[in-house]
Amino acid sequence: MRTRTILAAPVLFLAGIALCLAADAHMGTWKLNEGKSNFNPGATKNMTVVYESAGENVKVTVDGVDKDGKPVHQVWVGKFDGKDYPVTGEAQYDTRSYTRVDDHTIDMTIKMGGKPVATGKITVATDGKSRTVTTKATDPKAAGLNATAVYDKQ
């Protein structure tokens, strides 16, 4: 019995390490590749996006520039469970919800006052080196949110 316990301990340890290394493809720091991206006039450009663990949640921190070149800083903390979670630092919307489609794809809904203003899709390439964020305004007042942004993993 003791021999089995001694042999099982390293196996369980290695299994734990494997689980930790099987990280979420979305996690990490992403830098905007402006040459591969397409924005509507007046769109905010999110230059750097960081996805990190925050306890049981995910924290998304966005730093960029608005249409006038002024800095923007947004923070979202929540889960990829399709529920609305607040966004701080954004004037065009006050909540975002993320729904995991698969290991590399997340659907997003952007709302202001409980009403959708845009939808989007975030897709990480299979090699994990880039991600594409496509947003489409559902409210004409939010046309500046129409964009296809490509990011490179840092």
N, C-alpha and C. Protein backbone atom coordinates (compact mmCIF):
# COMPACT_ATOMS: atom_id res chain seq x y z
N MET A 1 0.82 -1.19 0.00
CA MET A 1 0.00 0.00 0.00
C MET A 1 0.86 1.26 0.00
N ARG A 2 1.92 1.23 0.79
CA ARG A 2 2.81 2.39 0.90
C ARG A 2 3.50 2.66 -0.44
N THR A 3 3.89 1.59 -1.15
CA THR A 3 4.54 1.73 -2.44
C THR A 3 3.60 2.39 -3.44
N ARG A 4 2.33 2.01 -3.43
CA ARG A 4 1.34 2.62 -4.33
C ARG A 4 1.20 4.11 -4.04
N THR A 5 1.17 4.47 -2.78
CA THR A 5 1.04 5.88 -2.40
C THR A 5 2.25 6.66 -2.88
N ILE A 6 3.43 6.10 -2.69
CA ILE A 6 4.66 6.77 -3.13
C ILE A 6 4.67 6.93 -4.64
N LEU A 7 4.21 5.93 -5.37
CA LEU A 7 4.18 6.01 -6.84
C LEU A 7 3.07 6.94 -7.33
N ALA A 8 1.97 7.02 -6.62
CA ALA A 8 0.85 7.87 -7.06
C ALA A 8 1.15 9.35 -6.87
N ALA A 9 1.93 9.70 -5.86
CA ALA A 9 2.20 11.11 -5.57
C ALA A 9 2.84 11.83 -6.76
N PRO A 10 3.92 11.30 -7.37
CA PRO A 10 4.50 12.01 -8.53
C PRO A 10 3.55 12.09 -9.72
N VAL A 11 2.73 11.05 -9.91
CA VAL A 11 1.78 11.05 -11.02
C VAL A 11 0.76 12.19 -10.82
N LEU A 12 0.24 12.33 -9.62
CA LEU A 12 -0.70 13.40 -9.32
C LEU A 12 -0.04 14.77 -9.44
N PHE A 13 1.21 14.88 -9.02
CA PHE A 13 1.95 16.13 -9.12
C PHE A 13 2.11 16.53 -10.59
N LEU A 14 2.51 15.60 -11.43
CA LEU A 14 2.68 15.88 -12.86
C LEU A 14 1.35 16.22 -13.53
N ALA A 15 0.28 15.57 -13.12
CA ALA A 15 -1.05 15.89 -13.66
C ALA A 15 -1.44 17.31 -13.29
N GLY A 16 -1.13 17.73 -12.07
CA GLY A 16 -1.41 19.10 -11.65
C GLY A 16 -0.64 20.12 -12.46
N ILE A 17 0.62 19.84 -12.72
CA ILE A 17 1.43 20.73 -13.54
C ILE A 17 0.85 20.82 -14.96
N ALA A 18 0.46 19.70 -15.52
CA ALA A 18 -0.13 19.70 -16.87
C ALA A 18 -1.38 20.55 -16.92
N LEU A 19 -2.22 20.45 -15.90
CA LEU A 19 -3.43 21.27 -15.84
C LEU A 19 -3.10 22.75 -15.80
N CYS A 20 -2.10 23.12 -15.03
CA CYS A 20 -1.70 24.53 -14.93
C CYS A 20 -1.15 25.05 -16.25
N LEU A 21 -0.43 24.19 -16.97
CA LEU A 21 0.16 24.62 -18.23
C LEU A 21 -0.85 24.69 -19.37
N ALA A 22 -1.99 24.07 -19.21
CA ALA A 22 -3.03 24.11 -20.23
C ALA A 22 -3.80 25.41 -20.07
N ALA A 23 -3.10 26.52 -20.23
CA ALA A 23 -3.66 27.84 -19.98
C ALA A 23 -4.65 28.25 -21.06
N ASP A 24 -5.51 29.17 -20.69
CA ASP A 24 -6.48 29.74 -21.59
C ASP A 24 -5.76 30.51 -22.70
N ALA A 25 -6.09 30.25 -23.94
CA ALA A 25 -5.44 30.88 -25.09
C ALA A 25 -5.60 32.40 -25.08
N HIS A 26 -6.64 32.91 -24.43
CA HIS A 26 -6.89 34.35 -24.43
C HIS A 26 -6.02 35.10 -23.44
N MET A 27 -5.50 34.40 -22.43
CA MET A 27 -4.75 35.05 -21.37
C MET A 27 -3.42 35.59 -21.89
N GLY A 28 -3.02 36.73 -21.34
CA GLY A 28 -1.74 37.32 -21.69
C GLY A 28 -1.89 38.76 -22.14
N THR A 29 -0.81 39.30 -22.66
CA THR A 29 -0.77 40.68 -23.13
C THR A 29 -0.80 40.67 -24.66
N TRP A 30 -1.69 41.51 -25.21
CA TRP A 30 -1.88 41.59 -26.66
C TRP A 30 -1.66 43.02 -27.12
N LYS A 31 -0.87 43.20 -28.17
CA LYS A 31 -0.57 44.53 -28.70
C LYS A 31 -1.20 44.67 -30.09
N LEU A 32 -1.86 45.82 -30.32
CA LEU A 32 -2.53 46.07 -31.58
C LEU A 32 -1.55 46.09 -32.75
N ASN A 33 -1.89 45.39 -33.82
CA ASN A 33 -1.15 45.43 -35.07
C ASN A 33 -1.98 46.33 -36.00
N GLU A 34 -1.67 47.62 -36.00
CA GLU A 34 -2.47 48.59 -36.77
C GLU A 34 -2.47 48.31 -38.26
N GLY A 35 -1.38 47.77 -38.78
CA GLY A 35 -1.30 47.48 -40.21
C GLY A 35 -2.28 46.42 -40.68
N LYS A 36 -2.67 45.52 -39.79
CA LYS A 36 -3.60 44.46 -40.14
C LYS A 36 -5.03 44.76 -39.68
N SER A 37 -5.22 45.89 -39.01
CA SER A 37 -6.52 46.24 -38.44
C SER A 37 -7.28 47.23 -39.30
N ASN A 38 -8.59 47.29 -39.08
CA ASN A 38 -9.45 48.19 -39.85
C ASN A 38 -10.46 48.84 -38.89
N PHE A 39 -10.44 50.18 -38.81
CA PHE A 39 -11.32 50.91 -37.91
C PHE A 39 -12.17 51.92 -38.68
N ASN A 40 -13.41 52.12 -38.22
CA ASN A 40 -14.24 53.20 -38.74
C ASN A 40 -13.67 54.53 -38.24
N PRO A 41 -13.92 55.61 -38.99
CA PRO A 41 -13.50 56.92 -38.49
C PRO A 41 -14.15 57.18 -37.12
N GLY A 42 -13.36 57.74 -36.22
CA GLY A 42 -13.87 58.06 -34.89
C GLY A 42 -13.79 56.92 -33.90
N ALA A 43 -13.20 55.81 -34.32
CA ALA A 43 -13.11 54.64 -33.43
C ALA A 43 -11.98 54.81 -32.43
N THR A 44 -12.20 54.27 -31.25
CA THR A 44 -11.14 54.17 -30.26
C THR A 44 -10.25 53.00 -30.66
N LYS A 45 -8.94 53.18 -30.52
CA LYS A 45 -8.00 52.10 -30.82
C LYS A 45 -7.45 51.57 -29.51
N ASN A 46 -7.73 50.31 -29.24
CA ASN A 46 -7.22 49.66 -28.05
C ASN A 46 -5.82 49.15 -28.37
N MET A 47 -4.81 49.87 -27.92
CA MET A 47 -3.43 49.57 -28.28
C MET A 47 -2.88 48.34 -27.56
N THR A 48 -3.24 48.18 -26.29
CA THR A 48 -2.79 47.04 -25.50
C THR A 48 -3.96 46.48 -24.71
N VAL A 49 -4.12 45.16 -24.75
CA VAL A 49 -5.18 44.48 -23.99
C VAL A 49 -4.51 43.38 -23.18
N VAL A 50 -4.82 43.35 -21.88
CA VAL A 50 -4.24 42.34 -21.00
C VAL A 50 -5.37 41.51 -20.39
N TYR A 51 -5.32 40.19 -20.57
CA TYR A 51 -6.24 39.25 -19.94
C TYR A 51 -5.45 38.55 -18.84
N GLU A 52 -5.97 38.59 -17.61
CA GLU A 52 -5.29 37.92 -16.50
C GLU A 52 -6.30 37.37 -15.52
N SER A 53 -5.86 36.38 -14.75
CA SER A 53 -6.72 35.80 -13.72
C SER A 53 -6.87 36.79 -12.57
N ALA A 54 -8.08 36.85 -12.02
CA ALA A 54 -8.38 37.67 -10.85
C ALA A 54 -9.24 36.81 -9.93
N GLY A 55 -8.60 35.91 -9.22
CA GLY A 55 -9.34 34.94 -8.41
C GLY A 55 -10.10 33.99 -9.33
N GLU A 56 -11.41 33.89 -9.14
CA GLU A 56 -12.23 33.04 -10.00
C GLU A 56 -12.66 33.77 -11.27
N ASN A 57 -12.32 35.05 -11.38
CA ASN A 57 -12.70 35.86 -12.53
C ASN A 57 -11.55 36.08 -13.48
N VAL A 58 -11.86 36.75 -14.58
CA VAL A 58 -10.88 37.22 -15.54
C VAL A 58 -10.91 38.73 -15.49
N LYS A 59 -9.73 39.35 -15.52
CA LYS A 59 -9.64 40.80 -15.56
C LYS A 59 -9.09 41.19 -16.93
N VAL A 60 -9.81 42.08 -17.62
CA VAL A 60 -9.38 42.57 -18.92
C VAL A 60 -9.09 44.06 -18.77
N THR A 61 -7.84 44.44 -19.01
CA THR A 61 -7.42 45.83 -18.91
C THR A 61 -7.04 46.31 -20.31
N VAL A 62 -7.64 47.42 -20.72
CA VAL A 62 -7.44 47.96 -22.06
C VAL A 62 -6.85 49.35 -21.96
N ASP A 63 -5.77 49.59 -22.70
CA ASP A 63 -5.20 50.93 -22.81
C ASP A 63 -5.12 51.27 -24.28
N GLY A 64 -5.58 52.47 -24.62
CA GLY A 64 -5.58 52.89 -26.01
C GLY A 64 -5.71 54.38 -26.15
N VAL A 65 -6.20 54.78 -27.33
CA VAL A 65 -6.41 56.20 -27.62
C VAL A 65 -7.77 56.39 -28.27
N ASP A 66 -8.43 57.50 -27.95
CA ASP A 66 -9.73 57.78 -28.56
C ASP A 66 -9.53 58.49 -29.89
N LYS A 67 -10.62 58.91 -30.51
CA LYS A 67 -10.57 59.54 -31.85
C LYS A 67 -9.73 60.80 -31.85
N ASP A 68 -9.57 61.46 -30.69
CA ASP A 68 -8.78 62.69 -30.60
C ASP A 68 -7.35 62.43 -30.14
N GLY A 69 -6.98 61.16 -30.00
CA GLY A 69 -5.64 60.81 -29.57
C GLY A 69 -5.42 60.87 -28.06
N LYS A 70 -6.51 61.06 -27.31
CA LYS A 70 -6.40 61.10 -25.85
C LYS A 70 -6.39 59.67 -25.31
N PRO A 71 -5.63 59.44 -24.23
CA PRO A 71 -5.55 58.08 -23.69
C PRO A 71 -6.87 57.60 -23.09
N VAL A 72 -7.13 56.31 -23.24
CA VAL A 72 -8.28 55.66 -22.62
C VAL A 72 -7.77 54.48 -21.81
N HIS A 73 -8.46 54.20 -20.73
CA HIS A 73 -8.11 53.08 -19.86
C HIS A 73 -9.41 52.46 -19.38
N GLN A 74 -9.63 51.20 -19.73
CA GLN A 74 -10.85 50.48 -19.35
C GLN A 74 -10.49 49.23 -18.57
N VAL A 75 -11.36 48.86 -17.64
CA VAL A 75 -11.17 47.63 -16.89
C VAL A 75 -12.50 46.89 -16.82
N TRP A 76 -12.46 45.60 -17.09
CA TRP A 76 -13.61 44.71 -16.99
C TRP A 76 -13.18 43.52 -16.15
N VAL A 77 -13.98 43.13 -15.17
CA VAL A 77 -13.70 41.95 -14.37
C VAL A 77 -14.97 41.10 -14.35
N GLY A 78 -14.86 39.85 -14.74
CA GLY A 78 -16.02 38.97 -14.77
C GLY A 78 -15.64 37.58 -15.23
N LYS A 79 -16.64 36.86 -15.70
CA LYS A 79 -16.46 35.50 -16.19
C LYS A 79 -16.94 35.42 -17.64
N PHE A 80 -16.46 34.41 -18.34
CA PHE A 80 -16.90 34.17 -19.71
C PHE A 80 -18.17 33.33 -19.68
N ASP A 81 -19.21 33.83 -18.99
CA ASP A 81 -20.43 33.07 -18.76
C ASP A 81 -21.68 33.69 -19.39
N GLY A 82 -21.49 34.72 -20.24
CA GLY A 82 -22.62 35.35 -20.91
C GLY A 82 -23.37 36.37 -20.08
N LYS A 83 -22.95 36.59 -18.84
CA LYS A 83 -23.61 37.58 -17.98
C LYS A 83 -22.93 38.94 -18.14
N ASP A 84 -23.71 40.01 -17.93
CA ASP A 84 -23.17 41.37 -18.01
C ASP A 84 -22.34 41.69 -16.78
N TYR A 85 -21.15 42.25 -17.02
CA TYR A 85 -20.29 42.74 -15.95
C TYR A 85 -19.89 44.16 -16.31
N PRO A 86 -19.75 45.03 -15.30
CA PRO A 86 -19.47 46.45 -15.59
C PRO A 86 -18.09 46.69 -16.17
N VAL A 87 -18.01 47.73 -16.98
CA VAL A 87 -16.76 48.23 -17.55
C VAL A 87 -16.53 49.61 -16.96
N THR A 88 -15.34 49.86 -16.46
CA THR A 88 -15.01 51.20 -15.99
C THR A 88 -14.12 51.88 -17.02
N GLY A 89 -14.27 53.19 -17.14
CA GLY A 89 -13.42 53.98 -18.03
C GLY A 89 -13.92 54.11 -19.46
N GLU A 90 -15.16 53.76 -19.73
CA GLU A 90 -15.71 53.82 -21.10
C GLU A 90 -17.00 54.63 -21.10
N ALA A 91 -17.10 55.59 -22.02
CA ALA A 91 -18.28 56.44 -22.08
C ALA A 91 -19.38 55.88 -23.00
N GLN A 92 -19.02 55.08 -24.01
CA GLN A 92 -20.00 54.60 -24.98
C GLN A 92 -20.81 53.41 -24.48
N TYR A 93 -20.30 52.70 -23.48
CA TYR A 93 -21.03 51.55 -22.95
C TYR A 93 -20.63 51.32 -21.50
N ASP A 94 -21.48 50.59 -20.77
CA ASP A 94 -21.21 50.38 -19.35
C ASP A 94 -21.06 48.92 -18.94
N THR A 95 -21.42 47.98 -19.82
CA THR A 95 -21.21 46.56 -19.51
C THR A 95 -20.76 45.81 -20.76
N ARG A 96 -20.08 44.69 -20.50
CA ARG A 96 -19.75 43.73 -21.56
C ARG A 96 -20.04 42.35 -21.00
N SER A 97 -20.46 41.47 -21.88
CA SER A 97 -20.58 40.06 -21.51
C SER A 97 -19.79 39.25 -22.52
N TYR A 98 -19.15 38.22 -22.02
CA TYR A 98 -18.38 37.31 -22.86
C TYR A 98 -18.96 35.91 -22.71
N THR A 99 -19.08 35.20 -23.83
CA THR A 99 -19.54 33.82 -23.82
C THR A 99 -18.52 32.99 -24.58
N ARG A 100 -17.96 32.00 -23.89
CA ARG A 100 -16.97 31.14 -24.54
C ARG A 100 -17.66 30.23 -25.55
N VAL A 101 -17.18 30.24 -26.78
CA VAL A 101 -17.70 29.38 -27.84
C VAL A 101 -16.88 28.09 -27.88
N ASP A 102 -15.55 28.24 -27.86
CA ASP A 102 -14.63 27.11 -27.80
C ASP A 102 -13.31 27.62 -27.20
N ASP A 103 -12.27 26.81 -27.24
CA ASP A 103 -11.00 27.19 -26.61
C ASP A 103 -10.37 28.45 -27.21
N HIS A 104 -10.72 28.78 -28.44
CA HIS A 104 -10.10 29.92 -29.11
C HIS A 104 -11.07 31.04 -29.47
N THR A 105 -12.34 30.89 -29.17
CA THR A 105 -13.34 31.87 -29.60
C THR A 105 -14.25 32.28 -28.46
N ILE A 106 -14.48 33.59 -28.37
CA ILE A 106 -15.41 34.16 -27.39
C ILE A 106 -16.33 35.13 -28.11
N ASP A 107 -17.63 35.03 -27.85
CA ASP A 107 -18.59 36.02 -28.34
C ASP A 107 -18.75 37.09 -27.27
N MET A 108 -19.00 38.31 -27.72
CA MET A 108 -19.08 39.45 -26.81
C MET A 108 -20.32 40.28 -27.13
N THR A 109 -20.99 40.78 -26.09
CA THR A 109 -22.09 41.73 -26.25
C THR A 109 -21.75 42.96 -25.42
N ILE A 110 -21.88 44.12 -26.04
CA ILE A 110 -21.55 45.40 -25.42
C ILE A 110 -22.86 46.16 -25.22
N LYS A 111 -23.10 46.64 -23.99
CA LYS A 111 -24.37 47.30 -23.68
C LYS A 111 -24.18 48.64 -22.99
N MET A 112 -25.20 49.47 -23.16
CA MET A 112 -25.29 50.74 -22.44
C MET A 112 -26.68 50.81 -21.85
N GLY A 113 -26.77 50.96 -20.53
CA GLY A 113 -28.07 51.01 -19.88
C GLY A 113 -28.91 49.78 -20.10
N GLY A 114 -28.27 48.63 -20.24
CA GLY A 114 -28.98 47.37 -20.43
C GLY A 114 -29.36 47.07 -21.86
N LYS A 115 -29.11 48.00 -22.80
CA LYS A 115 -29.47 47.79 -24.20
C LYS A 115 -28.21 47.54 -25.03
N PRO A 116 -28.23 46.49 -25.88
CA PRO A 116 -27.06 46.21 -26.71
C PRO A 116 -26.74 47.37 -27.66
N VAL A 117 -25.45 47.71 -27.73
CA VAL A 117 -25.00 48.72 -28.69
C VAL A 117 -24.05 48.11 -29.71
N ALA A 118 -23.48 46.94 -29.39
CA ALA A 118 -22.58 46.26 -30.34
C ALA A 118 -22.41 44.81 -29.92
N THR A 119 -22.02 44.01 -30.90
CA THR A 119 -21.67 42.62 -30.65
C THR A 119 -20.29 42.38 -31.23
N GLY A 120 -19.67 41.31 -30.80
CA GLY A 120 -18.33 41.03 -31.32
C GLY A 120 -17.93 39.59 -31.16
N LYS A 121 -16.80 39.28 -31.78
CA LYS A 121 -16.22 37.94 -31.70
C LYS A 121 -14.71 38.12 -31.54
N ILE A 122 -14.15 37.37 -30.59
CA ILE A 122 -12.71 37.39 -30.33
C ILE A 122 -12.20 35.99 -30.64
N THR A 123 -11.25 35.91 -31.57
CA THR A 123 -10.73 34.62 -31.99
C THR A 123 -9.21 34.62 -31.89
N VAL A 124 -8.67 33.69 -31.12
CA VAL A 124 -7.22 33.51 -31.02
C VAL A 124 -6.82 32.49 -32.07
N ALA A 125 -5.76 32.79 -32.82
CA ALA A 125 -5.26 31.87 -33.85
C ALA A 125 -4.83 30.56 -33.20
N THR A 126 -4.87 29.47 -33.97
CA THR A 126 -4.54 28.16 -33.42
C THR A 126 -3.11 28.10 -32.89
N ASP A 127 -2.20 28.91 -33.44
CA ASP A 127 -0.83 28.93 -32.93
C ASP A 127 -0.69 29.80 -31.68
N GLY A 128 -1.76 30.54 -31.31
CA GLY A 128 -1.76 31.35 -30.11
C GLY A 128 -0.98 32.64 -30.20
N LYS A 129 -0.49 32.98 -31.39
CA LYS A 129 0.37 34.16 -31.54
C LYS A 129 -0.38 35.44 -31.89
N SER A 130 -1.63 35.32 -32.33
CA SER A 130 -2.41 36.51 -32.69
C SER A 130 -3.87 36.28 -32.34
N ARG A 131 -4.60 37.39 -32.28
CA ARG A 131 -6.03 37.30 -32.04
C ARG A 131 -6.70 38.39 -32.86
N THR A 132 -7.93 38.11 -33.29
CA THR A 132 -8.71 39.05 -34.08
C THR A 132 -9.99 39.36 -33.32
N VAL A 133 -10.28 40.65 -33.17
CA VAL A 133 -11.49 41.11 -32.49
C VAL A 133 -12.32 41.85 -33.53
N THR A 134 -13.50 41.33 -33.80
CA THR A 134 -14.42 41.96 -34.75
C THR A 134 -15.62 42.46 -33.97
N THR A 135 -15.91 43.76 -34.08
CA THR A 135 -17.08 44.33 -33.42
C THR A 135 -17.96 45.00 -34.46
N LYS A 136 -19.27 44.89 -34.22
CA LYS A 136 -20.26 45.48 -35.13
C LYS A 136 -21.31 46.17 -34.29
N ALA A 137 -21.52 47.46 -34.58
CA ALA A 137 -22.52 48.23 -33.84
C ALA A 137 -23.91 47.75 -34.19
N THR A 138 -24.76 47.64 -33.17
CA THR A 138 -26.17 47.32 -33.37
C THR A 138 -27.02 48.56 -33.16
N ASP A 139 -26.38 49.63 -32.69
CA ASP A 139 -27.02 50.92 -32.46
C ASP A 139 -26.27 51.95 -33.32
N PRO A 140 -26.99 52.68 -34.20
CA PRO A 140 -26.32 53.64 -35.09
C PRO A 140 -25.47 54.67 -34.34
N LYS A 141 -25.80 54.97 -33.10
CA LYS A 141 -25.01 55.93 -32.32
C LYS A 141 -23.64 55.38 -31.96
N ALA A 142 -23.48 54.08 -32.07
CA ALA A 142 -22.22 53.43 -31.69
C ALA A 142 -21.41 52.99 -32.91
N ALA A 143 -21.61 53.63 -34.06
CA ALA A 143 -20.92 53.24 -35.29
C ALA A 143 -19.40 53.23 -35.15
N GLY A 144 -18.88 54.04 -34.21
CA GLY A 144 -17.44 54.05 -33.97
C GLY A 144 -16.91 52.72 -33.43
N LEU A 145 -17.80 51.86 -32.98
CA LEU A 145 -17.38 50.55 -32.47
C LEU A 145 -17.16 49.54 -33.58
N ASN A 146 -17.57 49.85 -34.81
CA ASN A 146 -17.34 48.93 -35.93
C ASN A 146 -15.84 48.84 -36.21
N ALA A 147 -15.29 47.65 -36.08
CA ALA A 147 -13.85 47.51 -36.28
C ALA A 147 -13.47 46.04 -36.41
N THR A 148 -12.33 45.83 -37.05
CA THR A 148 -11.66 44.55 -37.02
C THR A 148 -10.24 44.85 -36.55
N ALA A 149 -9.92 44.42 -35.35
CA ALA A 149 -8.62 44.70 -34.76
C ALA A 149 -7.84 43.40 -34.62
N VAL A 150 -6.59 43.44 -35.06
CA VAL A 150 -5.71 42.28 -34.98
C VAL A 150 -4.62 42.60 -33.95
N TYR A 151 -4.38 41.64 -33.06
CA TYR A 151 -3.40 41.82 -32.00
C TYR A 151 -2.35 40.71 -32.05
N ASP A 152 -1.13 41.07 -31.67
CA ASP A 152 -0.05 40.11 -31.56
C ASP A 152 0.24 39.84 -30.10
N LYS A 153 0.48 38.57 -29.75
CA LYS A 153 0.78 38.21 -28.36
C LYS A 153 2.16 38.71 -28.01
N GLN A 154 2.28 39.25 -26.83
CA GLN A 154 3.55 39.78 -26.35
C GLN A 154 4.26 38.78 -25.46
